[in-house]
C-alpha atoms as a PDB file:
ATOM      1  CA  MET A   1     -18.520 102.315-116.228  1.00  0.00           C
ATOM      2  CA  ALA A   2     -18.971 103.557-119.802  1.00  0.00           C
ATOM      3  CA  THR A   3     -19.186 107.256-120.539  1.00  0.00           C
ATOM      4  CA  LEU A   4     -19.817 109.523-123.514  1.00  0.00           C
ATOM      5  CA  PRO A   5     -17.810 108.800-126.688  1.00  0.00           C
ATOM      6  CA  VAL A   6     -14.373 110.414-127.058  1.00  0.00           C
ATOM      7  CA  ILE A   7     -13.545 111.479-130.632  1.00  0.00           C
ATOM      8  CA  SER A   8     -10.323 113.034-131.874  1.00  0.00           C
ATOM      9  CA  ILE A   9     -10.693 115.708-134.548  1.00  0.00           C
ATOM     10  CA  SER A  10      -6.982 115.405-135.413  1.00  0.00           C
ATOM     11  CA  PRO A  11      -7.504 113.686-138.813  1.00  0.00           C
ATOM     12  CA  TYR A  12      -9.382 116.770-140.035  1.00  0.00           C
ATOM     13  CA  VAL A  13      -7.053 119.263-138.354  1.00  0.00           C
ATOM     14  CA  ARG A  14      -4.020 117.590-139.932  1.00  0.00           C
ATOM     15  CA  LYS A  15      -5.391 116.679-143.325  1.00  0.00           C
ATOM     16  CA  GLU A  16      -1.942 116.835-144.937  1.00  0.00           C
ATOM     17  CA  THR A  17      -0.725 113.888-142.836  1.00  0.00           C
ATOM     18  CA  SER A  18      -3.925 111.923-142.173  1.00  0.00           C
ATOM     19  CA  THR A  19      -5.426 109.324-144.483  1.00  0.00           C
ATOM     20  CA  GLU A  20      -8.871 109.281-146.025  1.00  0.00           C
ATOM     21  CA  ARG A  21      -9.626 106.176-143.971  1.00  0.00           C
ATOM     22  CA  GLU A  22      -8.754 108.018-140.744  1.00  0.00           C
ATOM     23  CA  ARG A  23     -10.948 110.967-141.677  1.00  0.00           C
ATOM     24  CA  LEU A  24     -13.822 108.668-142.606  1.00  0.00           C
ATOM     25  CA  ALA A  25     -13.496 106.865-139.250  1.00  0.00           C
ATOM     26  CA  THR A  26     -13.764 110.228-137.478  1.00  0.00           C
ATOM     27  CA  SER A  27     -16.845 111.148-139.509  1.00  0.00           C
ATOM     28  CA  GLU A  28     -18.475 107.816-138.753  1.00  0.00           C
ATOM     29  CA  ALA A  29     -17.742 108.222-135.036  1.00  0.00           C
ATOM     30  CA  LEU A  30     -19.287 111.712-135.053  1.00  0.00           C
ATOM     31  CA  HIS A  31     -22.359 110.399-136.853  1.00  0.00           C
ATOM     32  CA  LYS A  32     -22.871 107.617-134.324  1.00  0.00           C
ATOM     33  CA  ALA A  33     -22.325 109.944-131.337  1.00  0.00           C
ATOM     34  CA  CYS A  34     -24.783 112.540-132.689  1.00  0.00           C
ATOM     35  CA  ARG A  35     -27.365 109.908-133.575  1.00  0.00           C
ATOM     36  CA  ASP A  36     -27.146 108.029-130.275  1.00  0.00           C
ATOM     37  CA  PHE A  37     -26.290 110.662-127.669  1.00  0.00           C
ATOM     38  CA  GLY A  38     -26.208 114.198-129.057  1.00  0.00           C
ATOM     39  CA  PHE A  39     -23.200 114.621-126.728  1.00  0.00           C
ATOM     40  CA  PHE A  40     -19.560 113.560-126.910  1.00  0.00           C
ATOM     41  CA  TYR A  41     -16.034 114.530-125.926  1.00  0.00           C
ATOM     42  CA  LEU A  42     -14.058 116.152-128.733  1.00  0.00           C
ATOM     43  CA  ASP A  43     -10.304 115.768-128.372  1.00  0.00           C
ATOM     44  CA  ILE A  44      -8.854 119.073-129.617  1.00  0.00           C
ATOM     45  CA  SER A  45      -5.293 118.545-128.353  1.00  0.00           C
ATOM     46  CA  SER A  46      -4.084 118.730-131.964  1.00  0.00           C
ATOM     47  CA  PHE A  47      -5.809 122.091-132.382  1.00  0.00           C
ATOM     48  CA  ALA A  48      -5.460 123.996-129.094  1.00  0.00           C
ATOM     49  CA  THR A  49      -2.776 123.938-126.419  1.00  0.00           C
ATOM     50  CA  ASP A  50      -3.146 123.397-122.700  1.00  0.00           C
ATOM     51  CA  ALA A  51      -1.503 126.788-122.189  1.00  0.00           C
ATOM     52  CA  GLU A  52      -4.215 128.531-124.218  1.00  0.00           C
ATOM     53  CA  MET A  53      -6.973 126.870-122.253  1.00  0.00           C
ATOM     54  CA  LYS A  54      -5.290 127.530-118.911  1.00  0.00           C
ATOM     55  CA  THR A  55      -4.934 131.241-119.732  1.00  0.00           C
ATOM     56  CA  LEU A  56      -8.636 131.519-120.570  1.00  0.00           C
ATOM     57  CA  MET A  57      -9.524 130.013-117.201  1.00  0.00           C
ATOM     58  CA  GLU A  58      -7.137 132.278-115.294  1.00  0.00           C
ATOM     59  CA  LEU A  59      -8.520 135.431-116.930  1.00  0.00           C
ATOM     60  CA  ALA A  60     -12.105 134.371-116.195  1.00  0.00           C
ATOM     61  CA  ARG A  61     -11.242 133.818-112.531  1.00  0.00           C
ATOM     62  CA  GLN A  62      -9.612 137.250-112.361  1.00  0.00           C
ATOM     63  CA  PHE A  63     -12.804 138.835-113.640  1.00  0.00           C
ATOM     64  CA  PHE A  64     -15.120 136.930-111.303  1.00  0.00           C
ATOM     65  CA  ALA A  65     -12.892 137.849-108.331  1.00  0.00           C
ATOM     66  CA  LEU A  66     -13.432 141.573-108.967  1.00  0.00           C
ATOM     67  CA  PRO A  67     -15.623 143.610-106.605  1.00  0.00           C
ATOM     68  CA  GLN A  68     -19.270 143.480-107.653  1.00  0.00           C
ATOM     69  CA  GLU A  69     -19.348 147.165-108.531  1.00  0.00           C
ATOM     70  CA  ARG A  70     -16.559 146.618-111.080  1.00  0.00           C
ATOM     71  CA  LYS A  71     -18.355 143.633-112.627  1.00  0.00           C
ATOM     72  CA  ASP A  72     -21.563 145.650-112.801  1.00  0.00           C
ATOM     73  CA  LEU A  73     -19.882 148.091-115.186  1.00  0.00           C
ATOM     74  CA  ILE A  74     -20.580 145.630-118.012  1.00  0.00           C
ATOM     75  CA  SER A  75     -24.086 144.619-116.921  1.00  0.00           C
ATOM     76  CA  ILE A  76     -26.503 143.613-119.668  1.00  0.00           C
ATOM     77  CA  ARG A  77     -28.659 146.522-118.487  1.00  0.00           C
ATOM     78  CA  ASN A  78     -26.221 148.759-120.359  1.00  0.00           C
ATOM     79  CA  GLU A  79     -26.831 147.068-123.686  1.00  0.00           C
ATOM     80  CA  ASP A  80     -29.376 144.981-125.626  1.00  0.00           C
ATOM     81  CA  SER A  81     -30.373 142.766-122.653  1.00  0.00           C
ATOM     82  CA  VAL A  82     -28.141 139.912-123.822  1.00  0.00           C
ATOM     83  CA  ARG A  83     -24.586 141.233-124.230  1.00  0.00           C
ATOM     84  CA  GLY A  84     -22.648 141.670-120.997  1.00  0.00           C
ATOM     85  CA  GLY A  85     -22.719 140.475-117.398  1.00  0.00           C
ATOM     86  CA  LYS A  86     -25.595 138.791-115.571  1.00  0.00           C
ATOM     87  CA  ALA A  87     -26.130 136.695-112.442  1.00  0.00           C
ATOM     88  CA  ASP A  88     -28.591 134.273-110.835  1.00  0.00           C
ATOM     89  CA  ASN A  89     -27.363 130.904-109.532  1.00  0.00           C
ATOM     90  CA  HIS A  90     -24.299 131.600-111.640  1.00  0.00           C
ATOM     91  CA  GLU A  91     -22.710 134.748-113.040  1.00  0.00           C
ATOM     92  CA  ALA A  92     -21.599 135.244-116.613  1.00  0.00           C
ATOM     93  CA  ILE A  93     -20.388 137.461-119.408  1.00  0.00           C
ATOM     94  CA  ASP A  94     -22.274 136.844-122.647  1.00  0.00           C
ATOM     95  CA  LEU A  95     -20.693 137.729-125.980  1.00  0.00           C
ATOM     96  CA  TYR A  96     -22.302 137.557-129.415  1.00  0.00           C
ATOM     97  CA  ALA A  97     -21.094 137.922-132.985  1.00  0.00           C
ATOM     98  CA  PRO A  98     -20.585 141.609-133.831  1.00  0.00           C
ATOM     99  CA  VAL A  99     -23.279 143.152-136.028  1.00  0.00           C
ATOM    100  CA  ALA A 100     -23.415 145.967-138.536  1.00  0.00           C
ATOM    101  CA  ASN A 101     -25.026 149.172-137.296  1.00  0.00           C
ATOM    102  CA  PRO A 102     -25.452 148.094-133.660  1.00  0.00           C
ATOM    103  CA  ASP A 103     -28.554 149.326-131.869  1.00  0.00           C
ATOM    104  CA  LYS A 104     -28.935 148.365-128.216  1.00  0.00           C
ATOM    105  CA  THR A 105     -32.694 148.977-128.361  1.00  0.00           C
ATOM    106  CA  LYS A 106     -33.018 145.871-130.568  1.00  0.00           C
ATOM    107  CA  PRO A 107     -32.633 142.349-129.136  1.00  0.00           C
ATOM    108  CA  LEU A 108     -29.246 140.802-130.066  1.00  0.00           C
ATOM    109  CA  TRP A 109     -28.156 143.923-131.942  1.00  0.00           C
ATOM    110  CA  GLY A 110     -25.987 145.666-129.393  1.00  0.00           C
ATOM    111  CA  THR A 111     -22.241 145.819-128.793  1.00  0.00           C
ATOM    112  CA  ASN A 112     -20.196 143.383-126.732  1.00  0.00           C
ATOM    113  CA  GLN A 113     -18.950 144.657-123.371  1.00  0.00           C
ATOM    114  CA  TRP A 114     -15.450 143.839-122.162  1.00  0.00           C
ATOM    115  CA  PRO A 115     -13.951 144.302-118.692  1.00  0.00           C
ATOM    116  CA  ASP A 116     -11.176 146.913-118.496  1.00  0.00           C
ATOM    117  CA  ASP A 117      -9.890 145.628-115.159  1.00  0.00           C
ATOM    118  CA  VAL A 118      -8.311 142.409-116.482  1.00  0.00           C
ATOM    119  CA  PRO A 119      -5.325 142.982-118.822  1.00  0.00           C
ATOM    120  CA  SER A 120      -5.366 141.015-122.119  1.00  0.00           C
ATOM    121  CA  PHE A 121      -8.866 139.691-121.371  1.00  0.00           C
ATOM    122  CA  ARG A 122     -10.403 140.941-124.607  1.00  0.00           C
ATOM    123  CA  SER A 123      -7.547 139.997-126.943  1.00  0.00           C
ATOM    124  CA  THR A 124      -7.254 136.512-125.460  1.00  0.00           C
ATOM    125  CA  TYR A 125     -10.945 135.771-125.733  1.00  0.00           C
ATOM    126  CA  GLU A 126     -11.235 137.253-129.214  1.00  0.00           C
ATOM    127  CA  ALA A 127      -8.424 134.930-130.331  1.00  0.00           C
ATOM    128  CA  TRP A 128     -10.278 131.963-128.795  1.00  0.00           C
ATOM    129  CA  VAL A 129     -13.477 132.957-130.584  1.00  0.00           C
ATOM    130  CA  GLU A 130     -11.653 132.908-133.926  1.00  0.00           C
ATOM    131  CA  LYS A 131     -10.204 129.518-133.068  1.00  0.00           C
ATOM    132  CA  MET A 132     -13.610 128.086-132.164  1.00  0.00           C
ATOM    133  CA  LYS A 133     -15.160 129.472-135.350  1.00  0.00           C
ATOM    134  CA  ALA A 134     -12.496 127.597-137.318  1.00  0.00           C
ATOM    135  CA  LEU A 135     -13.120 124.456-135.255  1.00  0.00           C
ATOM    136  CA  GLY A 136     -16.835 124.741-135.978  1.00  0.00           C
ATOM    137  CA  LEU A 137     -16.242 124.619-139.728  1.00  0.00           C
ATOM    138  CA  ILE A 138     -13.850 121.681-139.335  1.00  0.00           C
ATOM    139  CA  VAL A 139     -16.366 119.657-137.320  1.00  0.00           C
ATOM    140  CA  MET A 140     -19.224 120.588-139.642  1.00  0.00           C
ATOM    141  CA  GLU A 141     -17.273 119.267-142.641  1.00  0.00           C
ATOM    142  CA  ALA A 142     -16.533 116.018-140.814  1.00  0.00           C
ATOM    143  CA  MET A 143     -20.215 115.665-139.904  1.00  0.00           C
ATOM    144  CA  ALA A 144     -21.278 116.370-143.497  1.00  0.00           C
ATOM    145  CA  ILE A 145     -19.135 113.477-144.695  1.00  0.00           C
ATOM    146  CA  GLY A 146     -20.571 111.265-141.963  1.00  0.00           C
ATOM    147  CA  LEU A 147     -24.055 112.033-143.313  1.00  0.00           C
ATOM    148  CA  GLY A 148     -23.063 111.069-146.862  1.00  0.00           C
ATOM    149  CA  MET A 149     -23.266 114.580-148.278  1.00  0.00           C
ATOM    150  CA  THR A 150     -21.671 115.250-151.653  1.00  0.00           C
ATOM    151  CA  PRO A 151     -18.919 117.892-151.909  1.00  0.00           C
ATOM    152  CA  GLU A 152     -21.438 120.196-153.590  1.00  0.00           C
ATOM    153  CA  GLU A 153     -23.966 119.685-150.790  1.00  0.00           C
ATOM    154  CA  TRP A 154     -21.312 120.410-148.187  1.00  0.00           C
ATOM    155  CA  GLU A 155     -20.375 123.658-149.950  1.00  0.00           C
ATOM    156  CA  GLU A 156     -24.034 124.690-149.925  1.00  0.00           C
ATOM    157  CA  MET A 157     -24.322 123.919-146.220  1.00  0.00           C
ATOM    158  CA  LYS A 158     -21.028 125.667-145.506  1.00  0.00           C
ATOM    159  CA  GLY A 159     -22.585 128.803-146.961  1.00  0.00           C
ATOM    160  CA  GLN A 160     -25.158 128.654-144.150  1.00  0.00           C
ATOM    161  CA  VAL A 161     -22.554 128.626-141.342  1.00  0.00           C
ATOM    162  CA  ASP A 162     -19.536 130.498-142.737  1.00  0.00           C
ATOM    163  CA  HIS A 163     -20.559 133.738-141.011  1.00  0.00           C
ATOM    164  CA  SER A 164     -21.661 132.094-137.785  1.00  0.00           C
ATOM    165  CA  PHE A 165     -23.799 134.167-135.448  1.00  0.00           C
ATOM    166  CA  TRP A 166     -21.753 132.715-132.607  1.00  0.00           C
ATOM    167  CA  VAL A 167     -22.237 133.094-128.868  1.00  0.00           C
ATOM    168  CA  MET A 168     -19.542 132.866-126.183  1.00  0.00           C
ATOM    169  CA  ARG A 169     -20.334 132.593-122.481  1.00  0.00           C
ATOM    170  CA  ILE A 170     -17.833 133.046-119.652  1.00  0.00           C
ATOM    171  CA  ILE A 171     -19.558 131.511-116.633  1.00  0.00           C
ATOM    172  CA  GLY A 172     -18.725 131.319-112.949  1.00  0.00           C
ATOM    173  CA  TYR A 173     -20.561 128.917-110.658  1.00  0.00           C
ATOM    174  CA  PRO A 174     -20.333 129.389-106.906  1.00  0.00           C
ATOM    175  CA  PRO A 175     -21.241 126.185-105.061  1.00  0.00           C
ATOM    176  CA  LEU A 176     -24.911 125.823-104.250  1.00  0.00           C
ATOM    177  CA  PRO A 177     -25.785 125.707-100.547  1.00  0.00           C
ATOM    178  CA  ASN A 178     -26.453 122.182 -99.302  1.00  0.00           C
ATOM    179  CA  ASP A 179     -30.069 123.071 -98.577  1.00  0.00           C
ATOM    180  CA  HIS A 180     -30.668 124.568-102.045  1.00  0.00           C
ATOM    181  CA  ASP A 181     -33.209 122.518-104.005  1.00  0.00           C
ATOM    182  CA  GLY A 182     -32.600 124.173-107.387  1.00  0.00           C
ATOM    183  CA  PHE A 183     -29.913 124.009-110.047  1.00  0.00           C
ATOM    184  CA  SER A 184     -26.858 126.038-110.937  1.00  0.00           C
ATOM    185  CA  CYS A 185     -28.255 125.997-114.468  1.00  0.00           C
ATOM    186  CA  GLY A 186     -31.608 124.331-115.132  1.00  0.00           C
ATOM    187  CA  ALA A 187     -32.245 121.520-117.605  1.00  0.00           C
ATOM    188  CA  HIS A 188     -32.310 122.744-121.188  1.00  0.00           C
ATOM    189  CA  LYS A 189     -31.424 121.916-124.775  1.00  0.00           C
ATOM    190  CA  ASP A 190     -29.168 124.116-126.870  1.00  0.00           C
ATOM    191  CA  TYR A 191     -31.048 125.639-129.768  1.00  0.00           C
ATOM    192  CA  GLY A 192     -28.310 126.329-132.280  1.00  0.00           C
ATOM    193  CA  CYS A 193     -25.747 124.171-134.037  1.00  0.00           C
ATOM    194  CA  LEU A 194     -22.655 123.000-132.085  1.00  0.00           C
ATOM    195  CA  THR A 195     -21.523 123.735-128.533  1.00  0.00           C
ATOM    196  CA  PHE A 196     -17.857 123.440-127.535  1.00  0.00           C
ATOM    197  CA  LEU A 197     -17.611 123.500-123.755  1.00  0.00           C
ATOM    198  CA  LEU A 198     -14.263 124.103-122.067  1.00  0.00           C
ATOM    199  CA  ALA A 199     -14.538 123.690-118.296  1.00  0.00           C
ATOM    200  CA  ASP A 200     -12.189 123.632-115.344  1.00  0.00           C
ATOM    201  CA  PRO A 201     -11.444 120.244-113.697  1.00  0.00           C
ATOM    202  CA  THR A 202     -14.446 120.395-111.342  1.00  0.00           C
ATOM    203  CA  GLN A 203     -16.080 116.970-111.060  1.00  0.00           C
ATOM    204  CA  ASP A 204     -19.784 116.074-110.860  1.00  0.00           C
ATOM    205  CA  ALA A 205     -21.328 119.311-112.083  1.00  0.00           C
ATOM    206  CA  LEU A 206     -22.458 119.009-115.719  1.00  0.00           C
ATOM    207  CA  GLN A 207     -25.173 116.369-116.129  1.00  0.00           C
ATOM    208  CA  VAL A 208     -26.474 114.891-119.399  1.00  0.00           C
ATOM    209  CA  PHE A 209     -29.801 113.107-119.769  1.00  0.00           C
ATOM    210  CA  VAL A 210     -29.626 109.649-121.361  1.00  0.00           C
ATOM    211  CA  PRO A 211     -32.724 107.526-122.134  1.00  0.00           C
ATOM    212  CA  LYS A 212     -32.724 104.369-120.024  1.00  0.00           C
ATOM    213  CA  SER A 213     -32.611 101.997-123.004  1.00  0.00           C
ATOM    214  CA  LEU A 214     -29.533 103.726-124.410  1.00  0.00           C
ATOM    215  CA  ALA A 215     -27.869 103.880-121.012  1.00  0.00           C
ATOM    216  CA  ALA A 216     -28.388 100.153-120.504  1.00  0.00           C
ATOM    217  CA  ALA A 217     -27.070  99.289-123.961  1.00  0.00           C
ATOM    218  CA  ASN A 218     -23.907 101.286-123.265  1.00  0.00           C
ATOM    219  CA  GLN A 219     -23.495 100.110-119.661  1.00  0.00           C
ATOM    220  CA  MET A 220     -23.982 103.600-118.304  1.00  0.00           C
ATOM    221  CA  GLY A 221     -25.190 104.369-114.833  1.00  0.00           C
ATOM    222  CA  SER A 222     -25.651 107.267-112.484  1.00  0.00           C
ATOM    223  CA  SER A 223     -23.454 107.465-109.404  1.00  0.00           C
ATOM    224  CA  ARG A 224     -26.624 108.052-107.424  1.00  0.00           C
ATOM    225  CA  ILE A 225     -30.336 108.343-108.051  1.00  0.00           C
ATOM    226  CA  ILE A 226     -31.111 111.804-109.400  1.00  0.00           C
ATOM    227  CA  ASP A 227     -34.750 112.839-109.702  1.00  0.00           C
ATOM    228  CA  LEU A 228     -35.797 113.961-113.165  1.00  0.00           C
ATOM    229  CA  PRO A 229     -36.571 117.674-113.379  1.00  0.00           C
ATOM    230  CA  LYS A 230     -40.017 118.801-114.364  1.00  0.00           C
ATOM    231  CA  GLU A 231     -38.652 119.830-117.779  1.00  0.00           C
ATOM    232  CA  GLU A 232     -38.261 116.158-118.725  1.00  0.00           C
ATOM    233  CA  GLY A 233     -41.787 115.120-117.828  1.00  0.00           C
ATOM    234  CA  ASN A 234     -42.343 111.362-117.848  1.00  0.00           C
ATOM    235  CA  ALA A 235     -39.330 110.357-119.940  1.00  0.00           C
ATOM    236  CA  ASP A 236     -37.560 107.249-118.708  1.00  0.00           C
ATOM    237  CA  GLY A 237     -33.855 107.822-118.302  1.00  0.00           C
ATOM    238  CA  ILE A 238     -30.912 108.730-116.112  1.00  0.00           C
ATOM    239  CA  TRP A 239     -28.572 111.660-115.636  1.00  0.00           C
ATOM    240  CA  ILE A 240     -24.880 110.958-116.157  1.00  0.00           C
ATOM    241  CA  TYR A 241     -21.956 113.261-115.374  1.00  0.00           C
ATOM    242  CA  ALA A 242     -19.904 114.665-118.248  1.00  0.00           C
ATOM    243  CA  ASN A 243     -16.766 115.362-116.241  1.00  0.00           C
ATOM    244  CA  PRO A 244     -13.931 117.233-118.002  1.00  0.00           C
ATOM    245  CA  LEU A 245     -11.213 115.246-119.791  1.00  0.00           C
ATOM    246  CA  PRO A 246      -7.712 116.670-120.483  1.00  0.00           C
ATOM    247  CA  GLY A 247      -7.323 118.059-123.990  1.00  0.00           C
ATOM    248  CA  CYS A 248     -11.040 117.759-124.710  1.00  0.00           C
ATOM    249  CA  VAL A 249     -14.085 119.952-124.943  1.00  0.00           C
ATOM    250  CA  VAL A 250     -17.545 118.571-124.332  1.00  0.00           C
ATOM    251  CA  CYS A 251     -19.471 118.913-127.579  1.00  0.00           C
ATOM    252  CA  ASN A 252     -23.209 118.720-128.103  1.00  0.00           C
ATOM    253  CA  ILE A 253     -25.590 119.445-130.927  1.00  0.00           C
ATOM    254  CA  GLY A 254     -28.384 121.993-130.933  1.00  0.00           C
ATOM    255  CA  GLU A 255     -31.911 122.012-132.264  1.00  0.00           C
ATOM    256  CA  MET A 256     -30.907 123.113-135.763  1.00  0.00           C
ATOM    257  CA  TRP A 257     -29.457 119.649-136.274  1.00  0.00           C
ATOM    258  CA  GLU A 258     -32.883 118.168-135.551  1.00  0.00           C
ATOM    259  CA  ILE A 259     -34.223 120.113-138.540  1.00  0.00           C
ATOM    260  CA  TRP A 260     -31.242 119.389-140.798  1.00  0.00           C
ATOM    261  CA  THR A 261     -31.527 115.647-140.085  1.00  0.00           C
ATOM    262  CA  ARG A 262     -35.332 115.376-139.734  1.00  0.00           C
ATOM    263  CA  GLY A 263     -34.928 114.000-136.249  1.00  0.00           C
ATOM    264  CA  MET A 264     -32.064 111.603-136.917  1.00  0.00           C
ATOM    265  CA  TYR A 265     -29.960 113.711-134.527  1.00  0.00           C
ATOM    266  CA  LYS A 266     -31.554 114.989-131.331  1.00  0.00           C
ATOM    267  CA  SER A 267     -30.545 117.880-129.113  1.00  0.00           C
ATOM    268  CA  THR A 268     -30.044 116.506-125.603  1.00  0.00           C
ATOM    269  CA  LEU A 269     -31.147 117.834-122.221  1.00  0.00           C
ATOM    270  CA  HIS A 270     -28.359 118.840-119.870  1.00  0.00           C
ATOM    271  CA  ARG A 271     -28.021 120.857-116.679  1.00  0.00           C
ATOM    272  CA  VAL A 272     -25.495 121.967-114.057  1.00  0.00           C
ATOM    273  CA  LEU A 273     -25.720 121.080-110.373  1.00  0.00           C
ATOM    274  CA  HIS A 274     -22.559 122.276-108.623  1.00  0.00           C
ATOM    275  CA  ARG A 275     -22.403 121.431-104.936  1.00  0.00           C
ATOM    276  CA  GLY A 276     -18.624 121.210-104.615  1.00  0.00           C
ATOM    277  CA  SER A 277     -16.569 123.526-102.439  1.00  0.00           C
ATOM    278  CA  ASN A 278     -14.795 125.344-105.268  1.00  0.00           C
ATOM    279  CA  TYR A 279     -15.789 128.117-107.660  1.00  0.00           C
ATOM    280  CA  ARG A 280     -16.394 126.443-111.050  1.00  0.00           C
ATOM    281  CA  VAL A 281     -15.553 128.150-114.356  1.00  0.00           C
ATOM    282  CA  SER A 282     -17.171 127.080-117.611  1.00  0.00           C
ATOM    283  CA  LEU A 283     -16.542 128.510-121.092  1.00  0.00           C
ATOM    284  CA  PRO A 284     -19.081 127.327-123.676  1.00  0.00           C
ATOM    285  CA  PHE A 285     -18.733 128.512-127.261  1.00  0.00           C
ATOM    286  CA  PHE A 286     -21.808 128.157-129.444  1.00  0.00           C
ATOM    287  CA  PHE A 287     -21.044 127.752-133.144  1.00  0.00           C
ATOM    288  CA  GLU A 288     -24.317 128.755-134.767  1.00  0.00           C
ATOM    289  CA  PRO A 289     -25.662 129.153-138.309  1.00  0.00           C
ATOM    290  CA  ASN A 290     -25.496 132.499-140.056  1.00  0.00           C
ATOM    291  CA  PHE A 291     -28.141 134.905-138.757  1.00  0.00           C
ATOM    292  CA  ASP A 292     -30.005 134.809-142.090  1.00  0.00           C
ATOM    293  CA  ALA A 293     -29.477 131.082-142.738  1.00  0.00           C
ATOM    294  CA  LEU A 294     -32.525 129.117-143.887  1.00  0.00           C
ATOM    295  CA  VAL A 295     -32.234 125.861-141.960  1.00  0.00           C
ATOM    296  CA  LYS A 296     -34.085 123.031-143.699  1.00  0.00           C
ATOM    297  CA  PRO A 297     -33.771 119.238-144.024  1.00  0.00           C
ATOM    298  CA  LEU A 298     -30.616 118.134-145.835  1.00  0.00           C
ATOM    299  CA  ALA A 299     -30.995 116.340-149.160  1.00  0.00           C
ATOM    300  CA  ALA A 300     -28.518 113.633-148.075  1.00  0.00           C
ATOM    301  CA  VAL A 301     -30.624 112.843-145.016  1.00  0.00           C
ATOM    302  CA  VAL A 302     -33.869 112.801-147.001  1.00  0.00           C
ATOM    303  CA  ARG A 303     -32.255 110.349-149.468  1.00  0.00           C
ATOM    304  CA  ALA A 304     -31.084 108.049-146.693  1.00  0.00           C
ATOM    305  CA  GLN A 305     -34.413 108.088-144.857  1.00  0.00           C
ATOM    306  CA  GLU A 306     -36.425 107.470-148.012  1.00  0.00           C
ATOM    307  CA  ALA A 307     -34.096 104.656-149.068  1.00  0.00           C
ATOM    308  CA  SER A 308     -34.650 102.952-145.699  1.00  0.00           C
ATOM    309  CA  GLY A 309     -38.427 103.361-145.944  1.00  0.00           C
ATOM    310  CA  GLN A 310     -38.710 105.791-143.044  1.00  0.00           C
ATOM    311  CA  LYS A 311     -41.831 107.928-142.935  1.00  0.00           C
ATOM    312  CA  ILE A 312     -41.055 111.393-141.570  1.00  0.00           C
ATOM    313  CA  ASP A 313     -43.611 114.107-140.877  1.00  0.00           C
ATOM    314  CA  ASP A 314     -42.073 117.080-142.680  1.00  0.00           C
ATOM    315  CA  GLY A 315     -44.248 119.450-140.659  1.00  0.00           C
ATOM    316  CA  THR A 316     -42.346 118.476-137.521  1.00  0.00           C
ATOM    317  CA  TYR A 317     -39.094 119.721-139.019  1.00  0.00           C
ATOM    318  CA  ALA A 318     -40.250 122.767-140.934  1.00  0.00           C
ATOM    319  CA  PRO A 319     -37.539 125.161-142.196  1.00  0.00           C
ATOM    320  CA  VAL A 320     -36.654 128.148-140.025  1.00  0.00           C
ATOM    321  CA  VAL A 321     -34.587 131.281-140.494  1.00  0.00           C
ATOM    322  CA  TYR A 322     -32.029 130.959-137.719  1.00  0.00           C
ATOM    323  CA  GLY A 323     -31.992 134.619-136.656  1.00  0.00           C
ATOM    324  CA  GLU A 324     -35.765 134.719-136.251  1.00  0.00           C
ATOM    325  CA  PHE A 325     -35.696 131.443-134.319  1.00  0.00           C
ATOM    326  CA  LEU A 326     -32.940 132.786-132.053  1.00  0.00           C
ATOM    327  CA  LYS A 327     -34.773 136.042-131.334  1.00  0.00           C
ATOM    328  CA  SER A 328     -37.873 134.138-130.293  1.00  0.00           C
ATOM    329  CA  LYS A 329     -35.831 131.960-127.933  1.00  0.00           C
ATOM    330  CA  VAL A 330     -33.930 134.860-126.389  1.00  0.00           C
ATOM    331  CA  THR A 331     -37.128 136.862-125.908  1.00  0.00           C
ATOM    332  CA  ASN A 332     -38.710 133.916-124.104  1.00  0.00           C
ATOM    333  CA  ASN A 333     -35.626 133.418-121.914  1.00  0.00           C
ATOM    334  CA  PHE A 334     -35.663 136.988-120.708  1.00  0.00           C
ATOM    335  CA  SER A 335     -39.397 137.005-120.088  1.00  0.00           C
ATOM    336  CA  GLU A 336     -39.014 134.118-117.624  1.00  0.00           C
ATOM    337  CA  THR A 337     -38.199 134.708-113.969  1.00  0.00           C
ATOM    338  CA  THR A 338     -36.953 131.219-113.073  1.00  0.00           C
ATOM    339  CA  PRO A 339     -33.325 131.400-111.883  1.00  0.00           C
ATOM    340  CA  GLY A 340     -30.779 129.138-113.480  1.00  0.00           C
ATOM    341  CA  THR A 341     -32.305 128.929-116.955  1.00  0.00           C
ATOM    342  CA  GLY A 342     -30.056 129.420-119.925  1.00  0.00           C
ATOM    343  CA  LYS A 343     -27.112 127.881-121.671  1.00  0.00           C
ATOM    344  CA  ASP A 344     -24.624 125.639-119.844  1.00  0.00           C
END
């Protein structure tokens, strides 16, 4: 049975030894995956080692195994309501890009909280953040080429993401009880730029929504009938599992790409339903635009759509300042009481 595309980023990681044809093939594969699915596996084995990824998982498990009173020391209640630990049908530490003049009375403008009980936790995760920021720029360049952007247009776009207002989540999922009719993390779309999800080997947890026509064309199927959640309304499609692959992260695009591409790329619904017997660990990194970035349709996309005769309603994809968009989303998230909402 077919699954999501698997794309190696190696030609862009190792530019000195790869050929232009290899890099172009990677860019074309990214373009097709973003256009058709909004989700794909990114092989980063040329960029990150198994040992690095294993250490991240081990440190996360050490934290989640701590007594609750120790974990509560970094509760989001201590900060700006987003940075720190939280729990519903999963528990997590949320980290955001550091800001100048932090003020925990302002949404998103506090200070990250780190556990003191797990040696090397902070240094290891800070190193991973730097690595993922670099990966974000590498993938963005490859995507720019796939969209037919000129070098000058890529440099302009790079200036909108070179100080990414990134987010890192360290998530633990206890198995849901068999009689639980909810989700570990409810259906949602990511609202930023690129998500790089590193997860432990747990099978059949992360689910991705695929329209039925696309699923049929790619010979995809669900291992069992899964009812659509209310978030999807009357859309006709199936949920497929995005099970972890060695050396890969699961990558998906956020809503900013819908604006940049005037709907050519779509952010895709996904959710987590973990009913296994183990404790699942998931480490999504969200490579986002700069906080003050003005996200607007890309000239290369406008050219391509006009050349093909496509009629696009510009009002649907109006420019946004990313930081303002993010604050509105975060405010809405924390005003809701439904468990399991949030990112991955």
